[in-house]
């Protein structure tokens, strides 16, 4: 029997650079209230959202991914040719195949990097960071580009009072590479498939497309969400996951500098912070107020903004946590690049 040689990777991994792309169109609550029989006051009270970013015709999933990635690669101090693997987290790339990651890798000019998509909804970016860390430490790649990107307006029912005011578009990217010291803690992740239907695509693609004898409805499948049970689950169950991620990384609350949760809803963010008993010294991402909920893009977008505004500084210890459809979740402690 042959002896198979094992891979040799880096002792540890870290985030080397972060980049973001926000669509140019800024949509205030006043533009969405009439279609859902609502008000600016109701939306802000329920979600904390004042404005959101919606993509224009030219701002595709691929275009936004490439723009965010170029910034992340430059900030990492790398050439594009040094990217060995591209992982794109998204649920709004509307081609079932091929993966948009392959097109992103090509447009960026990588040298035939491995490329694939993952579908973990709002928790996709944190799943991607976990995969990238493992890939680098296993030696399968030296530098991994992780992109969280969504163009949710393509699958949004603008008359749905439960979702139309929440979701948004955008892209965030991070380069993960080798490190002599730990820069990405162990991931704490999982899913609660018993609650699969709380956030989901309303229609099955087969019902939309139909058959030769039974034509489809012609209606794009839309996102639906049962807001109240999602709020209860995320507000309290995810606080425990956040604490587990801190414990796994050996980091105490007093050592935490930055908290970057998925930007689902301001009330959820506040409830998680209270449940975790975060010290007043911890800076908390609140990007949702101006960006809306951009699903897989929300964590990198929020982190990028905190870094740009000086709330997160290089070397800070940050807790990332994301959760969404599935119900899937992932959390890890990272060092801010």
C-alpha atoms as a PDB file:
ATOM      1  CA  UNK A   1       0.000   0.000   0.000  1.00  0.00           C
ATOM      2  CA  UNK A   2       1.360   3.397  -1.005  1.00  0.00           C
ATOM      3  CA  UNK A   3       2.047   6.069   1.596  1.00  0.00           C
ATOM      4  CA  UNK A   4       0.275   9.299   0.690  1.00  0.00           C
ATOM      5  CA  UNK A   5       2.145  12.495   1.506  1.00  0.00           C
ATOM      6  CA  UNK A   6       0.202  15.016   3.543  1.00  0.00           C
ATOM      7  CA  UNK A   7      -0.097  18.718   2.779  1.00  0.00           C
ATOM      8  CA  UNK A   8       2.081  21.245   4.552  1.00  0.00           C
ATOM      9  CA  UNK A   9       0.425  24.542   5.400  1.00  0.00           C
ATOM     10  CA  UNK A  10       0.958  27.572   7.557  1.00  0.00           C
ATOM     11  CA  UNK A  11       0.912  27.222  11.343  1.00  0.00           C
ATOM     12  CA  UNK A  12      -1.873  29.795  11.577  1.00  0.00           C
ATOM     13  CA  UNK A  13      -4.025  32.061   9.408  1.00  0.00           C
ATOM     14  CA  UNK A  14      -5.093  35.694   9.562  1.00  0.00           C
ATOM     15  CA  UNK A  15      -7.165  38.243   7.670  1.00  0.00           C
ATOM     16  CA  UNK A  16      -4.690  40.345   5.683  1.00  0.00           C
ATOM     17  CA  UNK A  17      -6.993  42.896   4.085  1.00  0.00           C
ATOM     18  CA  UNK A  18     -10.665  43.845   3.779  1.00  0.00           C
ATOM     19  CA  UNK A  19     -12.516  45.623   0.973  1.00  0.00           C
ATOM     20  CA  UNK A  20     -16.088  46.685   0.261  1.00  0.00           C
ATOM     21  CA  UNK A  21     -18.374  47.824  -2.513  1.00  0.00           C
ATOM     22  CA  UNK A  22     -21.625  49.653  -1.807  1.00  0.00           C
ATOM     23  CA  UNK A  23     -24.083  50.315  -4.633  1.00  0.00           C
ATOM     24  CA  UNK A  24     -24.407  53.961  -5.578  1.00  0.00           C
ATOM     25  CA  UNK A  25     -28.176  54.149  -5.090  1.00  0.00           C
ATOM     26  CA  UNK A  26     -29.172  55.132  -1.558  1.00  0.00           C
ATOM     27  CA  UNK A  27     -32.857  54.382  -0.877  1.00  0.00           C
ATOM     28  CA  UNK A  28     -34.532  56.160   2.055  1.00  0.00           C
ATOM     29  CA  UNK A  29     -37.515  54.700   3.873  1.00  0.00           C
ATOM     30  CA  UNK A  30     -39.759  57.217   2.113  1.00  0.00           C
ATOM     31  CA  UNK A  31     -39.260  55.304  -1.158  1.00  0.00           C
ATOM     32  CA  UNK A  32     -40.524  51.981   0.190  1.00  0.00           C
ATOM     33  CA  UNK A  33     -43.312  52.902   2.627  1.00  0.00           C
ATOM     34  CA  UNK A  34     -46.188  53.348   0.157  1.00  0.00           C
ATOM     35  CA  UNK A  35     -45.877  49.878  -1.379  1.00  0.00           C
ATOM     36  CA  UNK A  36     -46.007  48.212   2.043  1.00  0.00           C
ATOM     37  CA  UNK A  37     -48.512  50.571   3.720  1.00  0.00           C
ATOM     38  CA  UNK A  38     -45.982  51.608   6.332  1.00  0.00           C
ATOM     39  CA  UNK A  39     -44.123  54.654   7.635  1.00  0.00           C
ATOM     40  CA  UNK A  40     -40.562  55.794   8.249  1.00  0.00           C
ATOM     41  CA  UNK A  41     -41.230  55.734  11.988  1.00  0.00           C
ATOM     42  CA  UNK A  42     -42.513  52.135  11.899  1.00  0.00           C
ATOM     43  CA  UNK A  43     -39.521  50.904   9.879  1.00  0.00           C
ATOM     44  CA  UNK A  44     -36.978  52.597  12.141  1.00  0.00           C
ATOM     45  CA  UNK A  45     -38.727  51.368  15.291  1.00  0.00           C
ATOM     46  CA  UNK A  46     -38.881  47.803  13.999  1.00  0.00           C
ATOM     47  CA  UNK A  47     -35.441  47.529  12.370  1.00  0.00           C
ATOM     48  CA  UNK A  48     -33.354  50.639  12.957  1.00  0.00           C
ATOM     49  CA  UNK A  49     -32.992  51.058   9.188  1.00  0.00           C
ATOM     50  CA  UNK A  50     -33.073  54.595   7.784  1.00  0.00           C
ATOM     51  CA  UNK A  51     -31.686  53.945   4.308  1.00  0.00           C
ATOM     52  CA  UNK A  52     -30.474  50.970   2.305  1.00  0.00           C
ATOM     53  CA  UNK A  53     -28.282  50.396  -0.751  1.00  0.00           C
ATOM     54  CA  UNK A  54     -29.891  48.963  -3.882  1.00  0.00           C
ATOM     55  CA  UNK A  55     -27.876  47.977  -6.941  1.00  0.00           C
ATOM     56  CA  UNK A  56     -28.383  49.523 -10.343  1.00  0.00           C
ATOM     57  CA  UNK A  57     -28.567  47.547 -13.610  1.00  0.00           C
ATOM     58  CA  UNK A  58     -24.781  47.557 -14.091  1.00  0.00           C
ATOM     59  CA  UNK A  59     -23.988  46.571 -10.480  1.00  0.00           C
ATOM     60  CA  UNK A  60     -24.108  42.814 -10.858  1.00  0.00           C
ATOM     61  CA  UNK A  61     -23.057  40.195  -8.319  1.00  0.00           C
ATOM     62  CA  UNK A  62     -19.854  39.686 -10.311  1.00  0.00           C
ATOM     63  CA  UNK A  63     -19.095  43.401 -10.698  1.00  0.00           C
ATOM     64  CA  UNK A  64     -19.581  44.172  -6.999  1.00  0.00           C
ATOM     65  CA  UNK A  65     -17.491  41.139  -6.008  1.00  0.00           C
ATOM     66  CA  UNK A  66     -14.601  42.187  -8.244  1.00  0.00           C
ATOM     67  CA  UNK A  67     -14.595  45.771  -6.989  1.00  0.00           C
ATOM     68  CA  UNK A  68     -14.582  44.750  -3.319  1.00  0.00           C
ATOM     69  CA  UNK A  69     -11.937  42.098  -4.004  1.00  0.00           C
ATOM     70  CA  UNK A  70      -9.531  44.477  -5.725  1.00  0.00           C
ATOM     71  CA  UNK A  71      -9.547  46.712  -2.662  1.00  0.00           C
ATOM     72  CA  UNK A  72      -9.027  43.781  -0.278  1.00  0.00           C
ATOM     73  CA  UNK A  73      -6.124  42.399  -2.317  1.00  0.00           C
ATOM     74  CA  UNK A  74      -4.441  45.802  -2.512  1.00  0.00           C
ATOM     75  CA  UNK A  75      -4.829  46.348   1.235  1.00  0.00           C
ATOM     76  CA  UNK A  76      -3.367  42.895   1.847  1.00  0.00           C
ATOM     77  CA  UNK A  77      -0.254  44.012  -0.014  1.00  0.00           C
ATOM     78  CA  UNK A  78      -0.558  41.245  -2.590  1.00  0.00           C
ATOM     79  CA  UNK A  79      -0.592  40.893  -6.350  1.00  0.00           C
ATOM     80  CA  UNK A  80      -3.676  39.249  -7.833  1.00  0.00           C
ATOM     81  CA  UNK A  81      -1.518  36.373  -9.028  1.00  0.00           C
ATOM     82  CA  UNK A  82      -0.847  35.421  -5.411  1.00  0.00           C
ATOM     83  CA  UNK A  83      -4.515  34.537  -4.846  1.00  0.00           C
ATOM     84  CA  UNK A  84      -4.731  30.729  -4.974  1.00  0.00           C
ATOM     85  CA  UNK A  85      -8.407  30.255  -4.132  1.00  0.00           C
ATOM     86  CA  UNK A  86     -11.616  32.314  -4.403  1.00  0.00           C
ATOM     87  CA  UNK A  87     -14.652  31.541  -2.245  1.00  0.00           C
ATOM     88  CA  UNK A  88     -17.849  33.490  -2.891  1.00  0.00           C
ATOM     89  CA  UNK A  89     -20.733  33.371  -0.414  1.00  0.00           C
ATOM     90  CA  UNK A  90     -24.043  34.371  -1.985  1.00  0.00           C
ATOM     91  CA  UNK A  91     -27.660  33.311  -2.435  1.00  0.00           C
ATOM     92  CA  UNK A  92     -28.477  35.831  -5.168  1.00  0.00           C
ATOM     93  CA  UNK A  93     -26.282  34.704  -8.067  1.00  0.00           C
ATOM     94  CA  UNK A  94     -29.155  33.583 -10.250  1.00  0.00           C
ATOM     95  CA  UNK A  95     -27.252  31.029 -12.324  1.00  0.00           C
ATOM     96  CA  UNK A  96     -27.381  27.663 -10.619  1.00  0.00           C
ATOM     97  CA  UNK A  97     -24.121  26.870 -12.395  1.00  0.00           C
ATOM     98  CA  UNK A  98     -21.343  27.765 -13.015  1.00  0.00           C
ATOM     99  CA  UNK A  99     -20.214  29.333  -9.770  1.00  0.00           C
ATOM    100  CA  UNK A 100     -19.774  33.098  -9.980  1.00  0.00           C
ATOM    101  CA  UNK A 101     -16.459  32.647  -8.121  1.00  0.00           C
ATOM    102  CA  UNK A 102     -14.898  31.301 -11.332  1.00  0.00           C
ATOM    103  CA  UNK A 103     -15.875  34.440 -13.241  1.00  0.00           C
ATOM    104  CA  UNK A 104     -14.652  36.654 -10.381  1.00  0.00           C
ATOM    105  CA  UNK A 105     -11.296  34.838 -10.309  1.00  0.00           C
ATOM    106  CA  UNK A 106     -10.915  35.264 -14.069  1.00  0.00           C
ATOM    107  CA  UNK A 107     -11.895  38.951 -14.160  1.00  0.00           C
ATOM    108  CA  UNK A 108      -9.505  39.717 -11.334  1.00  0.00           C
ATOM    109  CA  UNK A 109      -6.699  38.086 -13.309  1.00  0.00           C
ATOM    110  CA  UNK A 110      -5.749  35.264 -10.962  1.00  0.00           C
ATOM    111  CA  UNK A 111      -3.556  32.508 -12.334  1.00  0.00           C
ATOM    112  CA  UNK A 112      -6.259  29.854 -12.546  1.00  0.00           C
ATOM    113  CA  UNK A 113      -7.171  30.017  -8.859  1.00  0.00           C
ATOM    114  CA  UNK A 114      -9.484  27.369  -7.427  1.00  0.00           C
ATOM    115  CA  UNK A 115     -12.921  28.956  -7.225  1.00  0.00           C
ATOM    116  CA  UNK A 116     -16.297  27.937  -5.836  1.00  0.00           C
ATOM    117  CA  UNK A 117     -19.478  29.368  -4.314  1.00  0.00           C
ATOM    118  CA  UNK A 118     -21.035  28.522  -0.980  1.00  0.00           C
ATOM    119  CA  UNK A 119     -24.681  28.976  -0.032  1.00  0.00           C
ATOM    120  CA  UNK A 120     -25.161  29.641   3.657  1.00  0.00           C
ATOM    121  CA  UNK A 121     -27.298  32.780   3.346  1.00  0.00           C
ATOM    122  CA  UNK A 122     -26.497  35.519   5.867  1.00  0.00           C
ATOM    123  CA  UNK A 123     -23.869  33.403   7.622  1.00  0.00           C
ATOM    124  CA  UNK A 124     -22.015  32.696   4.381  1.00  0.00           C
ATOM    125  CA  UNK A 125     -19.098  35.100   4.882  1.00  0.00           C
ATOM    126  CA  UNK A 126     -18.256  33.679   8.314  1.00  0.00           C
ATOM    127  CA  UNK A 127     -18.473  30.177   6.836  1.00  0.00           C
ATOM    128  CA  UNK A 128     -16.076  31.347   4.131  1.00  0.00           C
ATOM    129  CA  UNK A 129     -13.570  32.731   6.648  1.00  0.00           C
ATOM    130  CA  UNK A 130     -13.624  29.401   8.491  1.00  0.00           C
ATOM    131  CA  UNK A 131     -13.024  27.475   5.276  1.00  0.00           C
ATOM    132  CA  UNK A 132     -10.251  29.852   4.206  1.00  0.00           C
ATOM    133  CA  UNK A 133      -8.475  29.508   7.545  1.00  0.00           C
ATOM    134  CA  UNK A 134      -8.578  25.717   7.289  1.00  0.00           C
ATOM    135  CA  UNK A 135      -7.432  25.787   3.649  1.00  0.00           C
ATOM    136  CA  UNK A 136      -4.406  27.961   4.461  1.00  0.00           C
ATOM    137  CA  UNK A 137      -3.423  25.883   7.485  1.00  0.00           C
ATOM    138  CA  UNK A 138      -3.852  22.628   5.550  1.00  0.00           C
ATOM    139  CA  UNK A 139      -1.662  23.896   2.728  1.00  0.00           C
ATOM    140  CA  UNK A 140      -4.269  23.625  -0.042  1.00  0.00           C
ATOM    141  CA  UNK A 141      -3.749  27.335  -0.802  1.00  0.00           C
ATOM    142  CA  UNK A 142      -1.570  30.106   0.580  1.00  0.00           C
ATOM    143  CA  UNK A 143      -3.870  33.089   0.011  1.00  0.00           C
ATOM    144  CA  UNK A 144      -7.652  32.741  -0.108  1.00  0.00           C
ATOM    145  CA  UNK A 145     -10.032  35.486  -1.215  1.00  0.00           C
ATOM    146  CA  UNK A 146     -13.396  35.321   0.581  1.00  0.00           C
ATOM    147  CA  UNK A 147     -16.289  37.361  -0.828  1.00  0.00           C
ATOM    148  CA  UNK A 148     -19.718  37.933   0.672  1.00  0.00           C
ATOM    149  CA  UNK A 149     -21.998  39.427  -1.972  1.00  0.00           C
ATOM    150  CA  UNK A 150     -25.711  39.863  -2.530  1.00  0.00           C
ATOM    151  CA  UNK A 151     -28.038  41.492  -5.023  1.00  0.00           C
ATOM    152  CA  UNK A 152     -31.156  40.680  -3.035  1.00  0.00           C
ATOM    153  CA  UNK A 153     -33.325  43.208  -4.841  1.00  0.00           C
ATOM    154  CA  UNK A 154     -33.565  40.665  -7.685  1.00  0.00           C
ATOM    155  CA  UNK A 155     -35.460  38.286  -5.384  1.00  0.00           C
ATOM    156  CA  UNK A 156     -37.266  40.845  -3.251  1.00  0.00           C
ATOM    157  CA  UNK A 157     -41.048  41.359  -3.315  1.00  0.00           C
ATOM    158  CA  UNK A 158     -41.333  45.131  -2.901  1.00  0.00           C
ATOM    159  CA  UNK A 159     -44.922  44.749  -1.660  1.00  0.00           C
ATOM    160  CA  UNK A 160     -44.033  42.284   1.119  1.00  0.00           C
ATOM    161  CA  UNK A 161     -44.355  44.184   4.401  1.00  0.00           C
ATOM    162  CA  UNK A 162     -42.108  41.695   6.174  1.00  0.00           C
ATOM    163  CA  UNK A 163     -39.071  41.944   3.883  1.00  0.00           C
ATOM    164  CA  UNK A 164     -39.220  44.855   1.421  1.00  0.00           C
ATOM    165  CA  UNK A 165     -37.748  47.415   3.815  1.00  0.00           C
ATOM    166  CA  UNK A 166     -35.038  45.120   5.213  1.00  0.00           C
ATOM    167  CA  UNK A 167     -32.899  43.684   2.456  1.00  0.00           C
ATOM    168  CA  UNK A 168     -30.169  45.368   0.437  1.00  0.00           C
ATOM    169  CA  UNK A 169     -27.283  44.838  -1.972  1.00  0.00           C
ATOM    170  CA  UNK A 170     -23.499  45.057  -1.752  1.00  0.00           C
ATOM    171  CA  UNK A 171     -20.234  43.139  -1.500  1.00  0.00           C
ATOM    172  CA  UNK A 172     -17.447  42.731   1.018  1.00  0.00           C
ATOM    173  CA  UNK A 173     -14.201  40.795   0.639  1.00  0.00           C
ATOM    174  CA  UNK A 174     -11.299  39.617   2.769  1.00  0.00           C
ATOM    175  CA  UNK A 175      -7.965  38.025   1.974  1.00  0.00           C
ATOM    176  CA  UNK A 176      -6.932  35.225   4.329  1.00  0.00           C
ATOM    177  CA  UNK A 177      -3.285  34.206   4.408  1.00  0.00           C
ATOM    178  CA  UNK A 178      -0.559  32.595   6.513  1.00  0.00           C
ATOM    179  CA  UNK A 179       0.469  33.850   9.931  1.00  0.00           C
ATOM    180  CA  UNK A 180       3.056  32.946  12.561  1.00  0.00           C
ATOM    181  CA  UNK A 181       0.515  33.636  15.312  1.00  0.00           C
ATOM    182  CA  UNK A 182      -3.228  32.862  15.484  1.00  0.00           C
ATOM    183  CA  UNK A 183      -5.286  35.533  13.717  1.00  0.00           C
ATOM    184  CA  UNK A 184      -8.515  33.562  13.221  1.00  0.00           C
ATOM    185  CA  UNK A 185      -9.979  31.593  16.100  1.00  0.00           C
ATOM    186  CA  UNK A 186     -11.829  28.266  15.906  1.00  0.00           C
ATOM    187  CA  UNK A 187     -15.210  28.536  14.217  1.00  0.00           C
ATOM    188  CA  UNK A 188     -18.380  27.763  16.159  1.00  0.00           C
ATOM    189  CA  UNK A 189     -21.001  26.899  13.595  1.00  0.00           C
ATOM    190  CA  UNK A 190     -24.104  24.849  13.031  1.00  0.00           C
ATOM    191  CA  UNK A 191     -27.698  24.892  11.867  1.00  0.00           C
ATOM    192  CA  UNK A 192     -31.233  24.419  13.117  1.00  0.00           C
ATOM    193  CA  UNK A 193     -32.944  22.812  10.156  1.00  0.00           C
ATOM    194  CA  UNK A 194     -36.108  22.214  12.158  1.00  0.00           C
ATOM    195  CA  UNK A 195     -36.788  25.916  11.566  1.00  0.00           C
ATOM    196  CA  UNK A 196     -35.896  25.709   7.869  1.00  0.00           C
ATOM    197  CA  UNK A 197     -39.056  27.561   6.767  1.00  0.00           C
ATOM    198  CA  UNK A 198     -38.582  30.734   8.830  1.00  0.00           C
ATOM    199  CA  UNK A 199     -36.494  32.379   6.100  1.00  0.00           C
ATOM    200  CA  UNK A 200     -36.806  30.914   2.652  1.00  0.00           C
ATOM    201  CA  UNK A 201     -37.363  31.311  -1.050  1.00  0.00           C
ATOM    202  CA  UNK A 202     -41.134  31.367  -1.394  1.00  0.00           C
ATOM    203  CA  UNK A 203     -41.523  29.477  -4.676  1.00  0.00           C
ATOM    204  CA  UNK A 204     -39.773  26.367  -5.938  1.00  0.00           C
ATOM    205  CA  UNK A 205     -37.929  27.014  -9.214  1.00  0.00           C
ATOM    206  CA  UNK A 206     -39.837  24.101 -10.774  1.00  0.00           C
ATOM    207  CA  UNK A 207     -43.122  25.852 -10.055  1.00  0.00           C
ATOM    208  CA  UNK A 208     -41.851  29.041 -11.640  1.00  0.00           C
ATOM    209  CA  UNK A 209     -40.310  27.477 -14.726  1.00  0.00           C
ATOM    210  CA  UNK A 210     -43.001  24.837 -15.196  1.00  0.00           C
ATOM    211  CA  UNK A 211     -43.057  22.195 -17.949  1.00  0.00           C
ATOM    212  CA  UNK A 212     -44.058  22.025 -21.610  1.00  0.00           C
ATOM    213  CA  UNK A 213     -47.608  21.104 -20.637  1.00  0.00           C
ATOM    214  CA  UNK A 214     -47.793  23.335 -17.564  1.00  0.00           C
ATOM    215  CA  UNK A 215     -46.013  26.651 -18.138  1.00  0.00           C
ATOM    216  CA  UNK A 216     -44.536  28.344 -15.105  1.00  0.00           C
ATOM    217  CA  UNK A 217     -45.982  31.337 -13.341  1.00  0.00           C
ATOM    218  CA  UNK A 218     -43.328  33.693 -14.679  1.00  0.00           C
ATOM    219  CA  UNK A 219     -42.939  35.123 -11.178  1.00  0.00           C
ATOM    220  CA  UNK A 220     -39.432  35.391  -9.752  1.00  0.00           C
ATOM    221  CA  UNK A 221     -39.112  33.383  -6.509  1.00  0.00           C
ATOM    222  CA  UNK A 222     -39.048  35.832  -3.631  1.00  0.00           C
ATOM    223  CA  UNK A 223     -37.605  35.819  -0.136  1.00  0.00           C
ATOM    224  CA  UNK A 224     -40.021  35.423   2.747  1.00  0.00           C
ATOM    225  CA  UNK A 225     -39.357  35.668   6.453  1.00  0.00           C
ATOM    226  CA  UNK A 226     -41.289  35.066   9.656  1.00  0.00           C
ATOM    227  CA  UNK A 227     -39.912  38.014  11.557  1.00  0.00           C
ATOM    228  CA  UNK A 228     -40.962  37.371  15.149  1.00  0.00           C
ATOM    229  CA  UNK A 229     -39.609  33.813  15.572  1.00  0.00           C
ATOM    230  CA  UNK A 230     -36.398  34.795  13.751  1.00  0.00           C
ATOM    231  CA  UNK A 231     -35.984  37.727  16.137  1.00  0.00           C
ATOM    232  CA  UNK A 232     -36.440  35.514  19.200  1.00  0.00           C
ATOM    233  CA  UNK A 233     -34.038  32.871  17.901  1.00  0.00           C
ATOM    234  CA  UNK A 234     -31.295  35.246  16.789  1.00  0.00           C
ATOM    235  CA  UNK A 235     -31.453  37.581  19.793  1.00  0.00           C
ATOM    236  CA  UNK A 236     -30.828  34.934  22.412  1.00  0.00           C
ATOM    237  CA  UNK A 237     -29.524  31.719  20.818  1.00  0.00           C
ATOM    238  CA  UNK A 238     -26.810  33.622  18.939  1.00  0.00           C
ATOM    239  CA  UNK A 239     -25.560  35.335  22.093  1.00  0.00           C
ATOM    240  CA  UNK A 240     -24.641  31.861  23.375  1.00  0.00           C
ATOM    241  CA  UNK A 241     -22.847  31.073  20.106  1.00  0.00           C
ATOM    242  CA  UNK A 242     -20.896  34.304  20.405  1.00  0.00           C
ATOM    243  CA  UNK A 243     -19.779  33.387  23.910  1.00  0.00           C
ATOM    244  CA  UNK A 244     -18.768  29.924  22.707  1.00  0.00           C
ATOM    245  CA  UNK A 245     -16.619  31.495  19.997  1.00  0.00           C
ATOM    246  CA  UNK A 246     -14.891  33.677  22.590  1.00  0.00           C
ATOM    247  CA  UNK A 247     -14.324  30.666  24.843  1.00  0.00           C
ATOM    248  CA  UNK A 248     -12.949  28.593  21.951  1.00  0.00           C
ATOM    249  CA  UNK A 249     -10.487  31.366  21.127  1.00  0.00           C
ATOM    250  CA  UNK A 250      -9.512  31.805  24.786  1.00  0.00           C
ATOM    251  CA  UNK A 251     -10.609  35.447  24.737  1.00  0.00           C
ATOM    252  CA  UNK A 252     -12.487  37.073  27.612  1.00  0.00           C
ATOM    253  CA  UNK A 253     -15.099  39.798  27.237  1.00  0.00           C
ATOM    254  CA  UNK A 254     -12.648  42.269  28.749  1.00  0.00           C
ATOM    255  CA  UNK A 255     -10.162  41.463  25.980  1.00  0.00           C
ATOM    256  CA  UNK A 256     -12.680  42.008  23.182  1.00  0.00           C
ATOM    257  CA  UNK A 257     -12.391  45.296  21.282  1.00  0.00           C
ATOM    258  CA  UNK A 258     -14.931  44.995  18.474  1.00  0.00           C
ATOM    259  CA  UNK A 259     -18.233  43.167  17.925  1.00  0.00           C
ATOM    260  CA  UNK A 260     -19.320  42.694  14.290  1.00  0.00           C
ATOM    261  CA  UNK A 261     -22.617  40.796  14.156  1.00  0.00           C
ATOM    262  CA  UNK A 262     -24.636  40.169  11.021  1.00  0.00           C
ATOM    263  CA  UNK A 263     -26.502  43.386  10.274  1.00  0.00           C
ATOM    264  CA  UNK A 264     -29.970  41.891  10.323  1.00  0.00           C
ATOM    265  CA  UNK A 265     -31.804  44.308  12.548  1.00  0.00           C
ATOM    266  CA  UNK A 266     -30.759  46.918  15.110  1.00  0.00           C
ATOM    267  CA  UNK A 267     -33.023  45.390  17.765  1.00  0.00           C
ATOM    268  CA  UNK A 268     -31.331  42.004  17.336  1.00  0.00           C
ATOM    269  CA  UNK A 269     -27.883  43.602  17.591  1.00  0.00           C
ATOM    270  CA  UNK A 270     -28.866  45.392  20.809  1.00  0.00           C
ATOM    271  CA  UNK A 271     -30.452  42.263  22.288  1.00  0.00           C
ATOM    272  CA  UNK A 272     -27.341  40.197  21.565  1.00  0.00           C
ATOM    273  CA  UNK A 273     -25.087  42.805  23.155  1.00  0.00           C
ATOM    274  CA  UNK A 274     -27.247  42.827  26.286  1.00  0.00           C
ATOM    275  CA  UNK A 275     -27.432  39.037  26.487  1.00  0.00           C
ATOM    276  CA  UNK A 276     -23.661  38.739  26.154  1.00  0.00           C
ATOM    277  CA  UNK A 277     -23.135  41.536  28.696  1.00  0.00           C
ATOM    278  CA  UNK A 278     -20.621  43.254  26.446  1.00  0.00           C
ATOM    279  CA  UNK A 279     -18.522  45.878  28.259  1.00  0.00           C
ATOM    280  CA  UNK A 280     -19.115  49.511  27.288  1.00  0.00           C
ATOM    281  CA  UNK A 281     -15.596  49.569  25.843  1.00  0.00           C
ATOM    282  CA  UNK A 282     -16.534  47.144  23.031  1.00  0.00           C
ATOM    283  CA  UNK A 283     -17.291  48.905  19.758  1.00  0.00           C
ATOM    284  CA  UNK A 284     -20.395  47.485  18.058  1.00  0.00           C
ATOM    285  CA  UNK A 285     -21.073  47.539  14.306  1.00  0.00           C
ATOM    286  CA  UNK A 286     -24.339  49.286  13.426  1.00  0.00           C
ATOM    287  CA  UNK A 287     -24.009  49.477   9.664  1.00  0.00           C
ATOM    288  CA  UNK A 288     -27.596  48.274   9.188  1.00  0.00           C
ATOM    289  CA  UNK A 289     -28.975  51.777   9.831  1.00  0.00           C
ATOM    290  CA  UNK A 290     -27.596  53.087   6.528  1.00  0.00           C
ATOM    291  CA  UNK A 291     -26.891  49.931   4.513  1.00  0.00           C
ATOM    292  CA  UNK A 292     -29.824  47.654   5.294  1.00  0.00           C
ATOM    293  CA  UNK A 293     -29.501  43.880   5.601  1.00  0.00           C
ATOM    294  CA  UNK A 294     -27.195  42.693   2.824  1.00  0.00           C
ATOM    295  CA  UNK A 295     -27.099  39.036   3.944  1.00  0.00           C
ATOM    296  CA  UNK A 296     -23.709  37.435   3.195  1.00  0.00           C
ATOM    297  CA  UNK A 297     -22.174  40.866   2.541  1.00  0.00           C
ATOM    298  CA  UNK A 298     -23.217  42.426   5.834  1.00  0.00           C
ATOM    299  CA  UNK A 299     -20.329  41.356   8.101  1.00  0.00           C
ATOM    300  CA  UNK A 300     -17.466  42.437   5.790  1.00  0.00           C
ATOM    301  CA  UNK A 301     -19.300  45.659   4.898  1.00  0.00           C
ATOM    302  CA  UNK A 302     -19.767  46.464   8.578  1.00  0.00           C
ATOM    303  CA  UNK A 303     -16.154  45.629   9.438  1.00  0.00           C
ATOM    304  CA  UNK A 304     -14.879  47.746   6.554  1.00  0.00           C
ATOM    305  CA  UNK A 305     -16.911  50.736   7.742  1.00  0.00           C
ATOM    306  CA  UNK A 306     -15.673  50.374  11.315  1.00  0.00           C
ATOM    307  CA  UNK A 307     -12.083  50.310  10.073  1.00  0.00           C
ATOM    308  CA  UNK A 308     -12.656  53.333   7.829  1.00  0.00           C
ATOM    309  CA  UNK A 309     -14.197  55.315  10.694  1.00  0.00           C
ATOM    310  CA  UNK A 310     -11.517  54.324  13.205  1.00  0.00           C
ATOM    311  CA  UNK A 311     -13.802  52.265  15.444  1.00  0.00           C
ATOM    312  CA  UNK A 312     -11.835  49.120  14.582  1.00  0.00           C
ATOM    313  CA  UNK A 313      -8.065  49.448  14.521  1.00  0.00           C
ATOM    314  CA  UNK A 314      -5.344  47.163  13.223  1.00  0.00           C
ATOM    315  CA  UNK A 315      -4.536  44.587  15.871  1.00  0.00           C
ATOM    316  CA  UNK A 316      -7.904  44.837  17.606  1.00  0.00           C
ATOM    317  CA  UNK A 317      -9.639  41.640  18.648  1.00  0.00           C
ATOM    318  CA  UNK A 318     -13.030  41.277  16.970  1.00  0.00           C
ATOM    319  CA  UNK A 319     -15.887  38.817  17.290  1.00  0.00           C
ATOM    320  CA  UNK A 320     -17.668  38.049  14.013  1.00  0.00           C
ATOM    321  CA  UNK A 321     -21.022  36.303  14.134  1.00  0.00           C
ATOM    322  CA  UNK A 322     -23.621  35.703  11.443  1.00  0.00           C
ATOM    323  CA  UNK A 323     -26.905  33.837  11.198  1.00  0.00           C
ATOM    324  CA  UNK A 324     -29.722  33.408   8.731  1.00  0.00           C
ATOM    325  CA  UNK A 325     -31.764  31.114   6.520  1.00  0.00           C
ATOM    326  CA  UNK A 326     -31.457  27.478   7.259  1.00  0.00           C
ATOM    327  CA  UNK A 327     -31.227  28.379  10.118  1.00  0.00           C
ATOM    328  CA  UNK A 328     -27.437  28.415   9.810  1.00  0.00           C
ATOM    329  CA  UNK A 329     -24.881  30.296  11.880  1.00  0.00           C
ATOM    330  CA  UNK A 330     -21.139  30.750  12.314  1.00  0.00           C
ATOM    331  CA  UNK A 331     -18.903  32.794  14.591  1.00  0.00           C
ATOM    332  CA  UNK A 332     -15.183  33.300  15.118  1.00  0.00           C
ATOM    333  CA  UNK A 333     -12.763  35.666  16.818  1.00  0.00           C
ATOM    334  CA  UNK A 334     -10.327  37.425  14.465  1.00  0.00           C
ATOM    335  CA  UNK A 335      -7.561  39.994  14.611  1.00  0.00           C
ATOM    336  CA  UNK A 336      -8.412  43.153  12.676  1.00  0.00           C
ATOM    337  CA  UNK A 337      -5.895  43.557   9.814  1.00  0.00           C
END
